[in-house]
Full PDB file with SEQRES, HELIX, SHEET, SSBOND, CRYST1, ORIGX, SCALE, CONECT and MASTER records, all heavy atoms in Angstrom:
SEQRES   1 A   36  ASN ILE SER GLY TRP TYR ILE GLU GLY ILE ALA SER GLN          
SEQRES   2 A   36  ASN CYS TYR SER ASN LEU LEU PHE THR SER LYS GLN LYS          
SEQRES   3 A   36  LEU VAL GLY PHE TYR LEU TYR GLN HIS ASN                      
HELIX    1 AA1 ILE A    2  SER A   12  1                                  11    
SHEET    1 AA1 2 TYR A  16  PHE A  21  0                                        
SHEET    2 AA1 2 LEU A  27  TYR A  33 -1                                        
CRYST1    1.000    1.000    1.000  90.00  90.00  90.00 P 1           1          
ORIGX1      1.000000  0.000000  0.000000        0.00000                         
ORIGX2      0.000000  1.000000  0.000000        0.00000                         
ORIGX3      0.000000  0.000000  1.000000        0.00000                         
SCALE1      1.000000  0.000000  0.000000        0.00000                         
SCALE2      0.000000  1.000000  0.000000        0.00000                         
SCALE3      0.000000  0.000000  1.000000        0.00000                         
ATOM      1  N   ASN A   1      17.048 -10.485  -1.186  1.00  0.00           N  
ATOM      2  CA  ASN A   1      17.173  -9.124  -1.717  1.00  0.00           C  
ATOM      3  C   ASN A   1      15.853  -8.643  -2.306  1.00  0.00           C  
ATOM      4  O   ASN A   1      15.441  -7.502  -2.081  1.00  0.00           O  
ATOM      5  CB  ASN A   1      18.262  -9.045  -2.779  1.00  0.00           C  
ATOM      6  CG  ASN A   1      19.643  -9.096  -2.201  1.00  0.00           C  
ATOM      7  OD1 ASN A   1      19.831  -8.854  -1.014  1.00  0.00           O  
ATOM      8  ND2 ASN A   1      20.616  -9.426  -3.020  1.00  0.00           N  
ATOM      9  N   ILE A   2      15.188  -9.518  -3.071  1.00  0.00           N  
ATOM     10  CA  ILE A   2      13.902  -9.158  -3.665  1.00  0.00           C  
ATOM     11  C   ILE A   2      12.902  -8.805  -2.572  1.00  0.00           C  
ATOM     12  O   ILE A   2      12.214  -7.788  -2.633  1.00  0.00           O  
ATOM     13  CB  ILE A   2      13.355 -10.312  -4.539  1.00  0.00           C  
ATOM     14  CG1 ILE A   2      14.234 -10.528  -5.769  1.00  0.00           C  
ATOM     15  CG2 ILE A   2      11.908 -10.065  -4.944  1.00  0.00           C  
ATOM     16  CD1 ILE A   2      14.217  -9.415  -6.782  1.00  0.00           C  
ATOM     17  N   SER A   3      12.811  -9.640  -1.542  1.00  0.00           N  
ATOM     18  CA  SER A   3      11.902  -9.371  -0.424  1.00  0.00           C  
ATOM     19  C   SER A   3      12.263  -8.066   0.262  1.00  0.00           C  
ATOM     20  O   SER A   3      11.391  -7.282   0.631  1.00  0.00           O  
ATOM     21  CB  SER A   3      11.955 -10.510   0.595  1.00  0.00           C  
ATOM     22  OG  SER A   3      11.512 -11.693   0.016  1.00  0.00           O  
ATOM     23  N   GLY A   4      13.554  -7.831   0.420  1.00  0.00           N  
ATOM     24  CA  GLY A   4      14.017  -6.588   1.048  1.00  0.00           C  
ATOM     25  C   GLY A   4      13.619  -5.364   0.250  1.00  0.00           C  
ATOM     26  O   GLY A   4      13.179  -4.359   0.812  1.00  0.00           O  
ATOM     27  N   TRP A   5      13.763  -5.437  -1.076  1.00  0.00           N  
ATOM     28  CA  TRP A   5      13.366  -4.311  -1.929  1.00  0.00           C  
ATOM     29  C   TRP A   5      11.875  -4.041  -1.795  1.00  0.00           C  
ATOM     30  O   TRP A   5      11.446  -2.893  -1.734  1.00  0.00           O  
ATOM     31  CB  TRP A   5      13.683  -4.589  -3.391  1.00  0.00           C  
ATOM     32  CG  TRP A   5      15.132  -4.663  -3.709  1.00  0.00           C  
ATOM     33  CD1 TRP A   5      16.163  -4.054  -3.046  1.00  0.00           C  
ATOM     34  CD2 TRP A   5      15.721  -5.390  -4.771  1.00  0.00           C  
ATOM     35  NE1 TRP A   5      17.357  -4.363  -3.635  1.00  0.00           N  
ATOM     36  CE2 TRP A   5      17.118  -5.177  -4.700  1.00  0.00           C  
ATOM     37  CE3 TRP A   5      15.222  -6.202  -5.774  1.00  0.00           C  
ATOM     38  CZ2 TRP A   5      17.996  -5.741  -5.604  1.00  0.00           C  
ATOM     39  CZ3 TRP A   5      16.111  -6.770  -6.673  1.00  0.00           C  
ATOM     40  CH2 TRP A   5      17.477  -6.536  -6.585  1.00  0.00           C  
ATOM     41  N   TYR A   6      11.093  -5.110  -1.755  1.00  0.00           N  
ATOM     42  CA  TYR A   6       9.649  -4.950  -1.642  1.00  0.00           C  
ATOM     43  C   TYR A   6       9.280  -4.276  -0.321  1.00  0.00           C  
ATOM     44  O   TYR A   6       8.546  -3.293  -0.296  1.00  0.00           O  
ATOM     45  CB  TYR A   6       8.945  -6.311  -1.770  1.00  0.00           C  
ATOM     46  CG  TYR A   6       7.458  -6.190  -1.658  1.00  0.00           C  
ATOM     47  CD1 TYR A   6       6.704  -5.796  -2.756  1.00  0.00           C  
ATOM     48  CD2 TYR A   6       6.809  -6.422  -0.460  1.00  0.00           C  
ATOM     49  CE1 TYR A   6       5.322  -5.650  -2.661  1.00  0.00           C  
ATOM     50  CE2 TYR A   6       5.432  -6.284  -0.355  1.00  0.00           C  
ATOM     51  CZ  TYR A   6       4.706  -5.892  -1.461  1.00  0.00           C  
ATOM     52  OH  TYR A   6       3.348  -5.741  -1.350  1.00  0.00           O  
ATOM     53  N   ILE A   7       9.809  -4.784   0.764  1.00  0.00           N  
ATOM     54  CA  ILE A   7       9.506  -4.237   2.089  1.00  0.00           C  
ATOM     55  C   ILE A   7       9.978  -2.791   2.198  1.00  0.00           C  
ATOM     56  O   ILE A   7       9.259  -1.926   2.689  1.00  0.00           O  
ATOM     57  CB  ILE A   7      10.112  -5.124   3.194  1.00  0.00           C  
ATOM     58  CG1 ILE A   7       9.374  -6.471   3.204  1.00  0.00           C  
ATOM     59  CG2 ILE A   7      10.049  -4.441   4.548  1.00  0.00           C  
ATOM     60  CD1 ILE A   7      10.067  -7.544   4.000  1.00  0.00           C  
ATOM     61  N   GLU A   8      11.182  -2.511   1.705  1.00  0.00           N  
ATOM     62  CA  GLU A   8      11.705  -1.144   1.746  1.00  0.00           C  
ATOM     63  C   GLU A   8      10.839  -0.200   0.910  1.00  0.00           C  
ATOM     64  O   GLU A   8      10.526   0.916   1.319  1.00  0.00           O  
ATOM     65  CB  GLU A   8      13.141  -1.105   1.230  1.00  0.00           C  
ATOM     66  CG  GLU A   8      13.729   0.290   1.190  1.00  0.00           C  
ATOM     67  CD  GLU A   8      15.106   0.327   0.553  1.00  0.00           C  
ATOM     68  OE1 GLU A   8      15.763  -0.721   0.455  1.00  0.00           O  
ATOM     69  OE2 GLU A   8      15.521   1.426   0.152  1.00  0.00           O  
ATOM     70  N   GLY A   9      10.443  -0.659  -0.272  1.00  0.00           N  
ATOM     71  CA  GLY A   9       9.626   0.175  -1.138  1.00  0.00           C  
ATOM     72  C   GLY A   9       8.300   0.530  -0.505  1.00  0.00           C  
ATOM     73  O   GLY A   9       7.864   1.679  -0.536  1.00  0.00           O  
ATOM     74  N   ILE A  10       7.664  -0.448   0.110  1.00  0.00           N  
ATOM     75  CA  ILE A  10       6.375  -0.216   0.746  1.00  0.00           C  
ATOM     76  C   ILE A  10       6.530   0.688   1.970  1.00  0.00           C  
ATOM     77  O   ILE A  10       5.734   1.591   2.199  1.00  0.00           O  
ATOM     78  CB  ILE A  10       5.726  -1.554   1.163  1.00  0.00           C  
ATOM     79  CG1 ILE A  10       5.378  -2.377  -0.081  1.00  0.00           C  
ATOM     80  CG2 ILE A  10       4.492  -1.345   2.024  1.00  0.00           C  
ATOM     81  CD1 ILE A  10       4.399  -1.705  -1.007  1.00  0.00           C  
ATOM     82  N   ALA A  11       7.564   0.461   2.736  1.00  0.00           N  
ATOM     83  CA  ALA A  11       7.726   1.165   4.005  1.00  0.00           C  
ATOM     84  C   ALA A  11       8.191   2.606   3.854  1.00  0.00           C  
ATOM     85  O   ALA A  11       7.786   3.475   4.615  1.00  0.00           O  
ATOM     86  CB  ALA A  11       8.697   0.395   4.900  1.00  0.00           C  
ATOM     87  N   SER A  12       9.057   2.880   2.894  1.00  0.00           N  
ATOM     88  CA  SER A  12       9.717   4.182   2.953  1.00  0.00           C  
ATOM     89  C   SER A  12       9.718   4.992   1.663  1.00  0.00           C  
ATOM     90  O   SER A  12      10.211   6.100   1.664  1.00  0.00           O  
ATOM     91  CB  SER A  12      11.166   3.982   3.395  1.00  0.00           C  
ATOM     92  OG  SER A  12      11.870   3.249   2.401  1.00  0.00           O  
ATOM     93  N   GLN A  13       9.192   4.488   0.585  1.00  0.00           N  
ATOM     94  CA  GLN A  13       9.358   5.212  -0.665  1.00  0.00           C  
ATOM     95  C   GLN A  13       8.058   5.715  -1.275  1.00  0.00           C  
ATOM     96  O   GLN A  13       8.003   6.035  -2.446  1.00  0.00           O  
ATOM     97  CB  GLN A  13      10.114   4.344  -1.671  1.00  0.00           C  
ATOM     98  CG  GLN A  13      11.517   4.056  -1.220  1.00  0.00           C  
ATOM     99  CD  GLN A  13      12.303   3.322  -2.279  1.00  0.00           C  
ATOM    100  OE1 GLN A  13      11.956   3.328  -3.446  1.00  0.00           O  
ATOM    101  NE2 GLN A  13      13.384   2.688  -1.880  1.00  0.00           N  
ATOM    102  N   ASN A  14       6.991   5.771  -0.491  1.00  0.00           N  
ATOM    103  CA  ASN A  14       5.734   6.321  -0.979  1.00  0.00           C  
ATOM    104  C   ASN A  14       5.340   5.718  -2.323  1.00  0.00           C  
ATOM    105  O   ASN A  14       5.207   6.411  -3.323  1.00  0.00           O  
ATOM    106  CB  ASN A  14       5.829   7.846  -1.088  1.00  0.00           C  
ATOM    107  CG  ASN A  14       4.467   8.470  -1.297  1.00  0.00           C  
ATOM    108  OD1 ASN A  14       3.448   7.901  -0.902  1.00  0.00           O  
ATOM    109  ND2 ASN A  14       4.447   9.632  -1.921  1.00  0.00           N  
ATOM    110  N   CYS A  15       5.199   4.418  -2.335  1.00  0.00           N  
ATOM    111  CA  CYS A  15       4.879   3.747  -3.586  1.00  0.00           C  
ATOM    112  C   CYS A  15       3.670   2.841  -3.423  1.00  0.00           C  
ATOM    113  O   CYS A  15       3.198   2.588  -2.323  1.00  0.00           O  
ATOM    114  CB  CYS A  15       6.075   2.968  -4.090  1.00  0.00           C  
ATOM    115  SG  CYS A  15       6.510   1.558  -3.072  1.00  0.00           S  
ATOM    116  N   TYR A  16       3.189   2.380  -4.548  1.00  0.00           N  
ATOM    117  CA  TYR A  16       2.067   1.460  -4.617  1.00  0.00           C  
ATOM    118  C   TYR A  16       2.602   0.081  -4.984  1.00  0.00           C  
ATOM    119  O   TYR A  16       3.657  -0.029  -5.608  1.00  0.00           O  
ATOM    120  CB  TYR A  16       1.067   1.904  -5.685  1.00  0.00           C  
ATOM    121  CG  TYR A  16       0.558   3.307  -5.494  1.00  0.00           C  
ATOM    122  CD1 TYR A  16       1.206   4.384  -6.084  1.00  0.00           C  
ATOM    123  CD2 TYR A  16      -0.576   3.543  -4.730  1.00  0.00           C  
ATOM    124  CE1 TYR A  16       0.733   5.671  -5.922  1.00  0.00           C  
ATOM    125  CE2 TYR A  16      -1.052   4.835  -4.557  1.00  0.00           C  
ATOM    126  CZ  TYR A  16      -0.393   5.895  -5.160  1.00  0.00           C  
ATOM    127  OH  TYR A  16      -0.861   7.166  -4.995  1.00  0.00           O  
ATOM    128  N   SER A  17       1.833  -0.947  -4.647  1.00  0.00           N  
ATOM    129  CA  SER A  17       2.274  -2.292  -5.008  1.00  0.00           C  
ATOM    130  C   SER A  17       1.092  -3.146  -5.417  1.00  0.00           C  
ATOM    131  O   SER A  17      -0.058  -2.867  -5.066  1.00  0.00           O  
ATOM    132  CB  SER A  17       2.987  -2.958  -3.834  1.00  0.00           C  
ATOM    133  OG  SER A  17       2.066  -3.286  -2.817  1.00  0.00           O  
ATOM    134  N   ASN A  18       1.390  -4.166  -6.169  1.00  0.00           N  
ATOM    135  CA  ASN A  18       0.420  -5.194  -6.521  1.00  0.00           C  
ATOM    136  C   ASN A  18       1.139  -6.524  -6.482  1.00  0.00           C  
ATOM    137  O   ASN A  18       2.276  -6.644  -6.961  1.00  0.00           O  
ATOM    138  CB  ASN A  18      -0.165  -4.948  -7.908  1.00  0.00           C  
ATOM    139  CG  ASN A  18      -1.266  -3.923  -7.869  1.00  0.00           C  
ATOM    140  OD1 ASN A  18      -2.359  -4.207  -7.409  1.00  0.00           O  
ATOM    141  ND2 ASN A  18      -0.968  -2.730  -8.346  1.00  0.00           N  
ATOM    142  N   LEU A  19       0.476  -7.493  -5.884  1.00  0.00           N  
ATOM    143  CA  LEU A  19       1.022  -8.845  -5.801  1.00  0.00           C  
ATOM    144  C   LEU A  19       0.092  -9.784  -6.548  1.00  0.00           C  
ATOM    145  O   LEU A  19      -1.128  -9.591  -6.547  1.00  0.00           O  
ATOM    146  CB  LEU A  19       1.123  -9.301  -4.342  1.00  0.00           C  
ATOM    147  CG  LEU A  19       2.141  -8.553  -3.499  1.00  0.00           C  
ATOM    148  CD1 LEU A  19       1.487  -7.399  -2.790  1.00  0.00           C  
ATOM    149  CD2 LEU A  19       2.781  -9.476  -2.507  1.00  0.00           C  
ATOM    150  N   LEU A  20       0.666 -10.800  -7.165  1.00  0.00           N  
ATOM    151  CA  LEU A  20      -0.106 -11.793  -7.890  1.00  0.00           C  
ATOM    152  C   LEU A  20       0.146 -13.152  -7.255  1.00  0.00           C  
ATOM    153  O   LEU A  20       1.303 -13.561  -7.106  1.00  0.00           O  
ATOM    154  CB  LEU A  20       0.308 -11.808  -9.364  1.00  0.00           C  
ATOM    155  CG  LEU A  20      -0.412 -12.794 -10.279  1.00  0.00           C  
ATOM    156  CD1 LEU A  20      -1.903 -12.486 -10.345  1.00  0.00           C  
ATOM    157  CD2 LEU A  20       0.204 -12.746 -11.679  1.00  0.00           C  
ATOM    158  N   PHE A  21      -0.936 -13.832  -6.865  1.00  0.00           N  
ATOM    159  CA  PHE A  21      -0.854 -15.143  -6.237  1.00  0.00           C  
ATOM    160  C   PHE A  21      -1.619 -16.166  -7.069  1.00  0.00           C  
ATOM    161  O   PHE A  21      -2.567 -15.818  -7.776  1.00  0.00           O  
ATOM    162  CB  PHE A  21      -1.488 -15.113  -4.835  1.00  0.00           C  
ATOM    163  CG  PHE A  21      -0.725 -14.321  -3.827  1.00  0.00           C  
ATOM    164  CD1 PHE A  21      -1.022 -12.998  -3.591  1.00  0.00           C  
ATOM    165  CD2 PHE A  21       0.294 -14.912  -3.094  1.00  0.00           C  
ATOM    166  CE1 PHE A  21      -0.323 -12.259  -2.650  1.00  0.00           C  
ATOM    167  CE2 PHE A  21       0.997 -14.186  -2.151  1.00  0.00           C  
ATOM    168  CZ  PHE A  21       0.692 -12.858  -1.929  1.00  0.00           C  
ATOM    169  N   THR A  22      -1.250 -17.426  -6.931  1.00  0.00           N  
ATOM    170  CA  THR A  22      -2.027 -18.505  -7.521  1.00  0.00           C  
ATOM    171  C   THR A  22      -3.260 -18.738  -6.651  1.00  0.00           C  
ATOM    172  O   THR A  22      -3.374 -18.182  -5.556  1.00  0.00           O  
ATOM    173  CB  THR A  22      -1.225 -19.821  -7.588  1.00  0.00           C  
ATOM    174  OG1 THR A  22      -0.994 -20.289  -6.257  1.00  0.00           O  
ATOM    175  CG2 THR A  22       0.087 -19.648  -8.334  1.00  0.00           C  
ATOM    176  N   SER A  23      -4.149 -19.594  -7.110  1.00  0.00           N  
ATOM    177  CA  SER A  23      -5.333 -19.918  -6.318  1.00  0.00           C  
ATOM    178  C   SER A  23      -4.965 -20.651  -5.028  1.00  0.00           C  
ATOM    179  O   SER A  23      -5.742 -20.686  -4.086  1.00  0.00           O  
ATOM    180  CB  SER A  23      -6.304 -20.774  -7.137  1.00  0.00           C  
ATOM    181  OG  SER A  23      -5.681 -21.975  -7.530  1.00  0.00           O  
ATOM    182  N   LYS A  24      -3.743 -21.189  -4.974  1.00  0.00           N  
ATOM    183  CA  LYS A  24      -3.267 -21.874  -3.763  1.00  0.00           C  
ATOM    184  C   LYS A  24      -2.395 -20.967  -2.904  1.00  0.00           C  
ATOM    185  O   LYS A  24      -1.642 -21.435  -2.058  1.00  0.00           O  
ATOM    186  CB  LYS A  24      -2.507 -23.141  -4.142  1.00  0.00           C  
ATOM    187  CG  LYS A  24      -3.391 -24.156  -4.838  1.00  0.00           C  
ATOM    188  CD  LYS A  24      -2.627 -25.386  -5.230  1.00  0.00           C  
ATOM    189  CE  LYS A  24      -3.569 -26.350  -5.948  1.00  0.00           C  
ATOM    190  NZ  LYS A  24      -2.883 -27.547  -6.404  1.00  0.00           N  
ATOM    191  N   GLN A  25      -2.500 -19.659  -3.149  1.00  0.00           N  
ATOM    192  CA  GLN A  25      -1.791 -18.631  -2.379  1.00  0.00           C  
ATOM    193  C   GLN A  25      -0.269 -18.694  -2.503  1.00  0.00           C  
ATOM    194  O   GLN A  25       0.450 -18.284  -1.604  1.00  0.00           O  
ATOM    195  CB  GLN A  25      -2.208 -18.673  -0.900  1.00  0.00           C  
ATOM    196  CG  GLN A  25      -3.680 -18.374  -0.681  1.00  0.00           C  
ATOM    197  CD  GLN A  25      -4.073 -17.010  -1.242  1.00  0.00           C  
ATOM    198  OE1 GLN A  25      -3.468 -16.009  -0.930  1.00  0.00           O  
ATOM    199  NE2 GLN A  25      -5.087 -16.983  -2.090  1.00  0.00           N  
ATOM    200  N   LYS A  26       0.227 -19.180  -3.621  1.00  0.00           N  
ATOM    201  CA  LYS A  26       1.669 -19.151  -3.897  1.00  0.00           C  
ATOM    202  C   LYS A  26       1.974 -17.857  -4.653  1.00  0.00           C  
ATOM    203  O   LYS A  26       1.272 -17.512  -5.609  1.00  0.00           O  
ATOM    204  CB  LYS A  26       2.094 -20.362  -4.720  1.00  0.00           C  
ATOM    205  CG  LYS A  26       3.571 -20.394  -5.002  1.00  0.00           C  
ATOM    206  CD  LYS A  26       3.981 -21.720  -5.595  1.00  0.00           C  
ATOM    207  CE  LYS A  26       5.397 -21.684  -6.085  1.00  0.00           C  
ATOM    208  NZ  LYS A  26       6.408 -21.895  -5.121  1.00  0.00           N  
ATOM    209  N   LEU A  27       2.991 -17.141  -4.205  1.00  0.00           N  
ATOM    210  CA  LEU A  27       3.350 -15.874  -4.841  1.00  0.00           C  
ATOM    211  C   LEU A  27       3.896 -16.121  -6.246  1.00  0.00           C  
ATOM    212  O   LEU A  27       4.844 -16.879  -6.427  1.00  0.00           O  
ATOM    213  CB  LEU A  27       4.398 -15.127  -4.009  1.00  0.00           C  
ATOM    214  CG  LEU A  27       4.859 -13.787  -4.584  1.00  0.00           C  
ATOM    215  CD1 LEU A  27       3.722 -12.771  -4.589  1.00  0.00           C  
ATOM    216  CD2 LEU A  27       6.045 -13.251  -3.803  1.00  0.00           C  
ATOM    217  N   VAL A  28       3.273 -15.495  -7.231  1.00  0.00           N  
ATOM    218  CA  VAL A  28       3.730 -15.550  -8.617  1.00  0.00           C  
ATOM    219  C   VAL A  28       4.710 -14.417  -8.859  1.00  0.00           C  
ATOM    220  O   VAL A  28       5.758 -14.590  -9.458  1.00  0.00           O  
ATOM    221  CB  VAL A  28       2.543 -15.444  -9.598  1.00  0.00           C  
ATOM    222  CG1 VAL A  28       3.034 -15.332 -11.032  1.00  0.00           C  
ATOM    223  CG2 VAL A  28       1.602 -16.619  -9.429  1.00  0.00           C  
ATOM    224  N   GLY A  29       4.369 -13.219  -8.381  1.00  0.00           N  
ATOM    225  CA  GLY A  29       5.227 -12.058  -8.587  1.00  0.00           C  
ATOM    226  C   GLY A  29       4.599 -10.803  -8.011  1.00  0.00           C  
ATOM    227  O   GLY A  29       3.519 -10.842  -7.424  1.00  0.00           O  
ATOM    228  N   PHE A  30       5.294  -9.698  -8.208  1.00  0.00           N  
ATOM    229  CA  PHE A  30       4.801  -8.410  -7.723  1.00  0.00           C  
ATOM    230  C   PHE A  30       5.427  -7.287  -8.523  1.00  0.00           C  
ATOM    231  O   PHE A  30       6.400  -7.482  -9.248  1.00  0.00           O  
ATOM    232  CB  PHE A  30       5.118  -8.222  -6.232  1.00  0.00           C  
ATOM    233  CG  PHE A  30       6.575  -8.065  -5.919  1.00  0.00           C  
ATOM    234  CD1 PHE A  30       7.188  -6.819  -5.997  1.00  0.00           C  
ATOM    235  CD2 PHE A  30       7.346  -9.153  -5.549  1.00  0.00           C  
ATOM    236  CE1 PHE A  30       8.532  -6.661  -5.705  1.00  0.00           C  
ATOM    237  CE2 PHE A  30       8.688  -9.009  -5.256  1.00  0.00           C  
ATOM    238  CZ  PHE A  30       9.280  -7.760  -5.337  1.00  0.00           C  
ATOM    239  N   TYR A  31       4.851  -6.115  -8.380  1.00  0.00           N  
ATOM    240  CA  TYR A  31       5.496  -4.910  -8.887  1.00  0.00           C  
ATOM    241  C   TYR A  31       5.249  -3.759  -7.934  1.00  0.00           C  
ATOM    242  O   TYR A  31       4.275  -3.730  -7.199  1.00  0.00           O  
ATOM    243  CB  TYR A  31       5.064  -4.568 -10.311  1.00  0.00           C  
ATOM    244  CG  TYR A  31       3.618  -4.186 -10.514  1.00  0.00           C  
ATOM    245  CD1 TYR A  31       3.205  -2.869 -10.340  1.00  0.00           C  
ATOM    246  CD2 TYR A  31       2.686  -5.127 -10.913  1.00  0.00           C  
ATOM    247  CE1 TYR A  31       1.876  -2.512 -10.551  1.00  0.00           C  
ATOM    248  CE2 TYR A  31       1.358  -4.771 -11.132  1.00  0.00           C  
ATOM    249  CZ  TYR A  31       0.969  -3.465 -10.948  1.00  0.00           C  
ATOM    250  OH  TYR A  31      -0.344  -3.097 -11.150  1.00  0.00           O  
ATOM    251  N   LEU A  32       6.195  -2.833  -7.929  1.00  0.00           N  
ATOM    252  CA  LEU A  32       6.128  -1.600  -7.140  1.00  0.00           C  
ATOM    253  C   LEU A  32       6.211  -0.427  -8.098  1.00  0.00           C  
ATOM    254  O   LEU A  32       6.976  -0.462  -9.060  1.00  0.00           O  
ATOM    255  CB  LEU A  32       7.318  -1.493  -6.187  1.00  0.00           C  
ATOM    256  CG  LEU A  32       7.496  -2.560  -5.122  1.00  0.00           C  
ATOM    257  CD1 LEU A  32       8.861  -2.414  -4.464  1.00  0.00           C  
ATOM    258  CD2 LEU A  32       6.407  -2.436  -4.088  1.00  0.00           C  
ATOM    259  N   TYR A  33       5.437   0.635  -7.821  1.00  0.00           N  
ATOM    260  CA  TYR A  33       5.525   1.798  -8.686  1.00  0.00           C  
ATOM    261  C   TYR A  33       5.222   3.077  -7.921  1.00  0.00           C  
ATOM    262  O   TYR A  33       4.610   3.051  -6.855  1.00  0.00           O  
ATOM    263  CB  TYR A  33       4.593   1.663  -9.892  1.00  0.00           C  
ATOM    264  CG  TYR A  33       3.115   1.713  -9.578  1.00  0.00           C  
ATOM    265  CD1 TYR A  33       2.384   2.876  -9.771  1.00  0.00           C  
ATOM    266  CD2 TYR A  33       2.444   0.589  -9.120  1.00  0.00           C  
ATOM    267  CE1 TYR A  33       1.024   2.925  -9.497  1.00  0.00           C  
ATOM    268  CE2 TYR A  33       1.078   0.621  -8.853  1.00  0.00           C  
ATOM    269  CZ  TYR A  33       0.378   1.794  -9.043  1.00  0.00           C  
ATOM    270  OH  TYR A  33      -0.967   1.835  -8.777  1.00  0.00           O  
ATOM    271  N   GLN A  34       5.675   4.170  -8.488  1.00  0.00           N  
ATOM    272  CA  GLN A  34       5.386   5.505  -7.981  1.00  0.00           C  
ATOM    273  C   GLN A  34       4.661   6.278  -9.072  1.00  0.00           C  
ATOM    274  O   GLN A  34       4.883   6.038 -10.262  1.00  0.00           O  
ATOM    275  CB  GLN A  34       6.670   6.245  -7.609  1.00  0.00           C  
ATOM    276  CG  GLN A  34       7.385   5.641  -6.431  1.00  0.00           C  
ATOM    277  CD  GLN A  34       8.708   6.338  -6.141  1.00  0.00           C  
ATOM    278  OE1 GLN A  34       9.453   6.662  -7.044  1.00  0.00           O  
ATOM    279  NE2 GLN A  34       8.990   6.551  -4.869  1.00  0.00           N  
ATOM    280  N   HIS A  35       3.820   7.206  -8.641  1.00  0.00           N  
ATOM    281  CA  HIS A  35       3.064   8.030  -9.582  1.00  0.00           C  
ATOM    282  C   HIS A  35       3.327   9.501  -9.279  1.00  0.00           C  
ATOM    283  O   HIS A  35       3.345   9.901  -8.124  1.00  0.00           O  
ATOM    284  CB  HIS A  35       1.566   7.730  -9.449  1.00  0.00           C  
ATOM    285  CG  HIS A  35       0.717   8.655 -10.243  1.00  0.00           C  
ATOM    286  ND1 HIS A  35       0.697   8.645 -11.616  1.00  0.00           N  
ATOM    287  CD2 HIS A  35      -0.131   9.633  -9.856  1.00  0.00           C  
ATOM    288  CE1 HIS A  35      -0.134   9.577 -12.034  1.00  0.00           C  
ATOM    289  NE2 HIS A  35      -0.645  10.198 -10.984  1.00  0.00           N  
ATOM    290  N   ASN A  36       3.525  10.284 -10.344  1.00  0.00           N  
ATOM    291  CA  ASN A  36       3.765  11.714 -10.190  1.00  0.00           C  
ATOM    292  C   ASN A  36       3.082  12.453 -11.336  1.00  0.00           C  
ATOM    293  O   ASN A  36       3.601  12.485 -12.442  1.00  0.00           O  
ATOM    294  CB  ASN A  36       5.263  12.003 -10.190  1.00  0.00           C  
ATOM    295  CG  ASN A  36       5.570  13.454  -9.938  1.00  0.00           C  
ATOM    296  OD1 ASN A  36       4.674  14.258  -9.706  1.00  0.00           O  
ATOM    297  ND2 ASN A  36       6.830  13.797 -10.000  1.00  0.00           N  
TER     298      ASN A  36                                                      
MASTER        0    0    0    1    2    0    0    6  297    1    0    3          
END                                                                             
């Protein structure tokens, strides 16, 4: 579900994203946002 929300947000909701990874490229987390 989390992955689905991320993909949907990027694809269809005109939003920005930032992802945080460890030095070994393991996903720590992400956030999605809109600006108006």
